[in-house]
Amino acid sequence: MRLTKERFGGLLFLLLSLAYGYHATQIPGYPGDEYEPFTASTLPYALAGVGVLLSLILICSPGGERLGKESGNWRLVFALLGLMLVYGLALGWLGFLIATILFLIGGILLMGERSLAFACKVSIPFTLIFWALLTKGLNVYLEPGRLFTQLLG
């Protein structure tokens, strides 16, 4: 069995699914949950199982391009990883709305879009709609950020 790009990706996805499944076992259950058909860990178990199944299908599938050393735009990869790190650090201070808007604008500009106006036109409505769906539709609390709470009390 040759190591192809598809098999390597399937192997990485298998490891990710197994780790996700392991962490799903760490979700605490409430008393009486053993009698419920759907608990906090039901969906993570299902997602881990589907991920393992799909990755095994990908690993066992025939053919594909042989894995080799490829040249890539590693500078862009590390710039995007750095942007994700900055986003994670800024999220607590700036809050979801501002940090996500800045993250999306930065990502769009890093990917090669030259127009700041276009990046703003895409990132601001997307972030506001996503925020509204999470907070108003699903009733998920998103912290406004320490900067916002310190300035406005």
C-alpha atoms as a PDB file:
ATOM      1  CA  MET A   1       0.000   0.000   0.000  1.00  0.00           C
ATOM      2  CA  ARG A   2       1.540   3.276  -1.188  1.00  0.00           C
ATOM      3  CA  LEU A   3       1.275   6.422   0.865  1.00  0.00           C
ATOM      4  CA  THR A   4      -0.718   8.845  -1.258  1.00  0.00           C
ATOM      5  CA  LYS A   5      -1.985  12.322  -0.514  1.00  0.00           C
ATOM      6  CA  GLU A   6      -5.479  10.962   0.071  1.00  0.00           C
ATOM      7  CA  ARG A   7      -4.272   8.268   2.467  1.00  0.00           C
ATOM      8  CA  PHE A   8      -2.097  10.722   4.360  1.00  0.00           C
ATOM      9  CA  GLY A   9      -5.052  13.108   4.713  1.00  0.00           C
ATOM     10  CA  GLY A  10      -7.244  10.194   5.808  1.00  0.00           C
ATOM     11  CA  LEU A  11      -4.654   9.207   8.399  1.00  0.00           C
ATOM     12  CA  LEU A  12      -4.531  12.737   9.811  1.00  0.00           C
ATOM     13  CA  PHE A  13      -8.339  12.885   9.860  1.00  0.00           C
ATOM     14  CA  LEU A  14      -8.437   9.485  11.607  1.00  0.00           C
ATOM     15  CA  LEU A  15      -6.115  10.759  14.339  1.00  0.00           C
ATOM     16  CA  LEU A  16      -8.198  13.921  14.715  1.00  0.00           C
ATOM     17  CA  SER A  17     -11.442  11.908  14.917  1.00  0.00           C
ATOM     18  CA  LEU A  18      -9.994   9.513  17.484  1.00  0.00           C
ATOM     19  CA  ALA A  19      -8.761  12.413  19.628  1.00  0.00           C
ATOM     20  CA  TYR A  20     -12.171  14.087  19.328  1.00  0.00           C
ATOM     21  CA  GLY A  21     -13.880  10.836  20.308  1.00  0.00           C
ATOM     22  CA  TYR A  22     -11.604  10.480  23.324  1.00  0.00           C
ATOM     23  CA  HIS A  23     -12.379  14.008  24.480  1.00  0.00           C
ATOM     24  CA  ALA A  24     -16.090  13.332  23.957  1.00  0.00           C
ATOM     25  CA  THR A  25     -15.827  10.669  26.658  1.00  0.00           C
ATOM     26  CA  GLN A  26     -14.699  13.397  29.077  1.00  0.00           C
ATOM     27  CA  ILE A  27     -18.004  15.297  28.806  1.00  0.00           C
ATOM     28  CA  PRO A  28     -19.715  14.993  32.180  1.00  0.00           C
ATOM     29  CA  GLY A  29     -23.251  13.674  32.267  1.00  0.00           C
ATOM     30  CA  TYR A  30     -26.003  14.955  34.490  1.00  0.00           C
ATOM     31  CA  PRO A  31     -27.918  12.649  36.815  1.00  0.00           C
ATOM     32  CA  GLY A  32     -30.701  10.972  34.884  1.00  0.00           C
ATOM     33  CA  ASP A  33     -28.967  11.408  31.522  1.00  0.00           C
ATOM     34  CA  GLU A  34     -28.528   7.675  31.174  1.00  0.00           C
ATOM     35  CA  TYR A  35     -32.258   7.419  30.443  1.00  0.00           C
ATOM     36  CA  GLU A  36     -32.294  10.201  27.844  1.00  0.00           C
ATOM     37  CA  PRO A  37     -31.951   9.399  24.139  1.00  0.00           C
ATOM     38  CA  PHE A  38     -29.943  12.576  23.409  1.00  0.00           C
ATOM     39  CA  THR A  39     -27.355  13.955  25.834  1.00  0.00           C
ATOM     40  CA  ALA A  40     -24.445  16.382  25.671  1.00  0.00           C
ATOM     41  CA  SER A  41     -22.123  13.639  24.418  1.00  0.00           C
ATOM     42  CA  THR A  42     -24.420  12.068  21.800  1.00  0.00           C
ATOM     43  CA  LEU A  43     -23.518  14.377  18.924  1.00  0.00           C
ATOM     44  CA  PRO A  44     -19.751  14.332  19.643  1.00  0.00           C
ATOM     45  CA  TYR A  45     -19.840  10.505  19.685  1.00  0.00           C
ATOM     46  CA  ALA A  46     -21.691  10.478  16.366  1.00  0.00           C
ATOM     47  CA  LEU A  47     -19.301  12.995  14.794  1.00  0.00           C
ATOM     48  CA  ALA A  48     -16.271  11.032  15.975  1.00  0.00           C
ATOM     49  CA  GLY A  49     -17.744   7.787  14.630  1.00  0.00           C
ATOM     50  CA  VAL A  50     -18.569   9.299  11.240  1.00  0.00           C
ATOM     51  CA  GLY A  51     -15.095  10.852  11.094  1.00  0.00           C
ATOM     52  CA  VAL A  52     -13.423   7.516  11.829  1.00  0.00           C
ATOM     53  CA  LEU A  53     -15.586   5.740   9.238  1.00  0.00           C
ATOM     54  CA  LEU A  54     -14.916   8.318   6.516  1.00  0.00           C
ATOM     55  CA  SER A  55     -11.198   8.397   7.224  1.00  0.00           C
ATOM     56  CA  LEU A  56     -10.988   4.583   7.062  1.00  0.00           C
ATOM     57  CA  ILE A  57     -12.788   4.657   3.712  1.00  0.00           C
ATOM     58  CA  LEU A  58     -10.300   7.261   2.506  1.00  0.00           C
ATOM     59  CA  ILE A  59      -7.319   5.249   3.758  1.00  0.00           C
ATOM     60  CA  CYS A  60      -8.545   2.028   2.101  1.00  0.00           C
ATOM     61  CA  SER A  61      -9.505   3.638  -1.212  1.00  0.00           C
ATOM     62  CA  PRO A  62      -7.284   2.736  -4.181  1.00  0.00           C
ATOM     63  CA  GLY A  63      -5.120   5.038  -6.239  1.00  0.00           C
ATOM     64  CA  GLY A  64      -4.257   8.638  -5.814  1.00  0.00           C
ATOM     65  CA  GLU A  65      -1.232  10.792  -6.368  1.00  0.00           C
ATOM     66  CA  ARG A  66       1.928   9.645  -4.637  1.00  0.00           C
ATOM     67  CA  LEU A  67       3.017  11.725  -1.664  1.00  0.00           C
ATOM     68  CA  GLY A  68       6.113  13.755  -2.375  1.00  0.00           C
ATOM     69  CA  LYS A  69       7.812  16.952  -1.394  1.00  0.00           C
ATOM     70  CA  GLU A  70       5.981  19.904  -2.861  1.00  0.00           C
ATOM     71  CA  SER A  71       6.762  23.525  -2.965  1.00  0.00           C
ATOM     72  CA  GLY A  72       4.148  25.627  -1.309  1.00  0.00           C
ATOM     73  CA  ASN A  73       3.540  29.124  -0.129  1.00  0.00           C
ATOM     74  CA  TRP A  74       4.765  28.468   3.412  1.00  0.00           C
ATOM     75  CA  ARG A  75       5.058  32.147   4.132  1.00  0.00           C
ATOM     76  CA  LEU A  76       1.297  32.551   3.637  1.00  0.00           C
ATOM     77  CA  VAL A  77       0.606  29.432   5.717  1.00  0.00           C
ATOM     78  CA  PHE A  78       2.605  30.737   8.663  1.00  0.00           C
ATOM     79  CA  ALA A  79       1.131  34.227   8.268  1.00  0.00           C
ATOM     80  CA  LEU A  80      -2.392  32.752   8.496  1.00  0.00           C
ATOM     81  CA  LEU A  81      -1.387  30.633  11.503  1.00  0.00           C
ATOM     82  CA  GLY A  82       0.012  33.755  13.159  1.00  0.00           C
ATOM     83  CA  LEU A  83      -3.209  35.603  12.378  1.00  0.00           C
ATOM     84  CA  MET A  84      -5.189  32.787  14.020  1.00  0.00           C
ATOM     85  CA  LEU A  85      -2.958  33.010  17.090  1.00  0.00           C
ATOM     86  CA  VAL A  86      -3.463  36.771  17.314  1.00  0.00           C
ATOM     87  CA  TYR A  87      -7.233  36.257  16.894  1.00  0.00           C
ATOM     88  CA  GLY A  88      -7.285  33.772  19.754  1.00  0.00           C
ATOM     89  CA  LEU A  89      -5.386  36.169  21.993  1.00  0.00           C
ATOM     90  CA  ALA A  90      -7.455  39.207  20.981  1.00  0.00           C
ATOM     91  CA  LEU A  91     -10.807  37.485  21.420  1.00  0.00           C
ATOM     92  CA  GLY A  92     -10.856  37.944  25.192  1.00  0.00           C
ATOM     93  CA  TRP A  93      -9.885  41.609  24.993  1.00  0.00           C
ATOM     94  CA  LEU A  94     -11.721  42.857  21.931  1.00  0.00           C
ATOM     95  CA  GLY A  95     -14.740  40.575  22.082  1.00  0.00           C
ATOM     96  CA  PHE A  96     -16.245  38.390  19.392  1.00  0.00           C
ATOM     97  CA  LEU A  97     -17.515  41.103  17.065  1.00  0.00           C
ATOM     98  CA  ILE A  98     -14.435  43.306  16.770  1.00  0.00           C
ATOM     99  CA  ALA A  99     -11.895  40.466  16.886  1.00  0.00           C
ATOM    100  CA  THR A 100     -13.734  38.435  14.247  1.00  0.00           C
ATOM    101  CA  ILE A 101     -14.171  41.401  11.921  1.00  0.00           C
ATOM    102  CA  LEU A 102     -10.454  42.234  12.183  1.00  0.00           C
ATOM    103  CA  PHE A 103      -9.515  38.558  11.745  1.00  0.00           C
ATOM    104  CA  LEU A 104     -11.593  38.204   8.583  1.00  0.00           C
ATOM    105  CA  ILE A 105     -10.306  41.477   7.137  1.00  0.00           C
ATOM    106  CA  GLY A 106      -6.727  40.401   7.833  1.00  0.00           C
ATOM    107  CA  GLY A 107      -7.302  36.950   6.336  1.00  0.00           C
ATOM    108  CA  ILE A 108      -8.917  38.354   3.205  1.00  0.00           C
ATOM    109  CA  LEU A 109      -6.046  40.799   2.727  1.00  0.00           C
ATOM    110  CA  LEU A 110      -3.453  38.071   3.341  1.00  0.00           C
ATOM    111  CA  MET A 111      -5.080  35.853   0.724  1.00  0.00           C
ATOM    112  CA  GLY A 112      -4.398  38.510  -1.891  1.00  0.00           C
ATOM    113  CA  GLU A 113      -7.420  40.788  -2.039  1.00  0.00           C
ATOM    114  CA  ARG A 114      -6.178  44.335  -2.468  1.00  0.00           C
ATOM    115  CA  SER A 115      -9.362  46.238  -1.708  1.00  0.00           C
ATOM    116  CA  LEU A 116      -9.877  47.068   1.953  1.00  0.00           C
ATOM    117  CA  ALA A 117     -13.414  48.197   1.122  1.00  0.00           C
ATOM    118  CA  PHE A 118     -14.251  44.750  -0.285  1.00  0.00           C
ATOM    119  CA  ALA A 119     -12.756  43.044   2.780  1.00  0.00           C
ATOM    120  CA  CYS A 120     -14.916  45.227   5.033  1.00  0.00           C
ATOM    121  CA  LYS A 121     -18.037  44.654   2.911  1.00  0.00           C
ATOM    122  CA  VAL A 122     -17.573  40.900   3.280  1.00  0.00           C
ATOM    123  CA  SER A 123     -16.389  40.576   6.874  1.00  0.00           C
ATOM    124  CA  ILE A 124     -18.713  43.000   8.671  1.00  0.00           C
ATOM    125  CA  PRO A 125     -22.070  41.602   7.451  1.00  0.00           C
ATOM    126  CA  PHE A 126     -20.860  38.013   7.794  1.00  0.00           C
ATOM    127  CA  THR A 127     -19.733  38.588  11.375  1.00  0.00           C
ATOM    128  CA  LEU A 128     -22.905  40.446  12.344  1.00  0.00           C
ATOM    129  CA  ILE A 129     -25.167  37.752  10.855  1.00  0.00           C
ATOM    130  CA  PHE A 130     -23.154  34.977  12.515  1.00  0.00           C
ATOM    131  CA  TRP A 131     -23.219  36.848  15.845  1.00  0.00           C
ATOM    132  CA  ALA A 132     -26.991  37.332  15.566  1.00  0.00           C
ATOM    133  CA  LEU A 133     -27.543  33.654  14.786  1.00  0.00           C
ATOM    134  CA  LEU A 134     -25.455  32.575  17.760  1.00  0.00           C
ATOM    135  CA  THR A 135     -26.739  35.058  20.328  1.00  0.00           C
ATOM    136  CA  LYS A 136     -30.341  35.559  19.271  1.00  0.00           C
ATOM    137  CA  GLY A 137     -31.112  32.296  17.504  1.00  0.00           C
ATOM    138  CA  LEU A 138     -29.208  29.767  19.599  1.00  0.00           C
ATOM    139  CA  ASN A 139     -28.977  31.836  22.807  1.00  0.00           C
ATOM    140  CA  VAL A 140     -25.188  31.400  23.025  1.00  0.00           C
ATOM    141  CA  TYR A 141     -23.436  33.963  25.211  1.00  0.00           C
ATOM    142  CA  LEU A 142     -20.492  35.623  23.471  1.00  0.00           C
ATOM    143  CA  GLU A 143     -18.371  37.761  25.746  1.00  0.00           C
ATOM    144  CA  PRO A 144     -18.228  41.385  24.579  1.00  0.00           C
ATOM    145  CA  GLY A 145     -14.567  41.661  25.576  1.00  0.00           C
ATOM    146  CA  ARG A 146     -12.683  43.218  28.452  1.00  0.00           C
ATOM    147  CA  LEU A 147     -12.030  46.435  26.556  1.00  0.00           C
ATOM    148  CA  PHE A 148     -15.750  46.968  25.920  1.00  0.00           C
ATOM    149  CA  THR A 149     -16.746  46.188  29.506  1.00  0.00           C
ATOM    150  CA  GLN A 150     -14.027  48.453  30.939  1.00  0.00           C
ATOM    151  CA  LEU A 151     -14.904  51.384  28.690  1.00  0.00           C
ATOM    152  CA  LEU A 152     -18.675  51.139  28.990  1.00  0.00           C
ATOM    153  CA  GLY A 153     -18.971  49.471  32.358  1.00  0.00           C
END
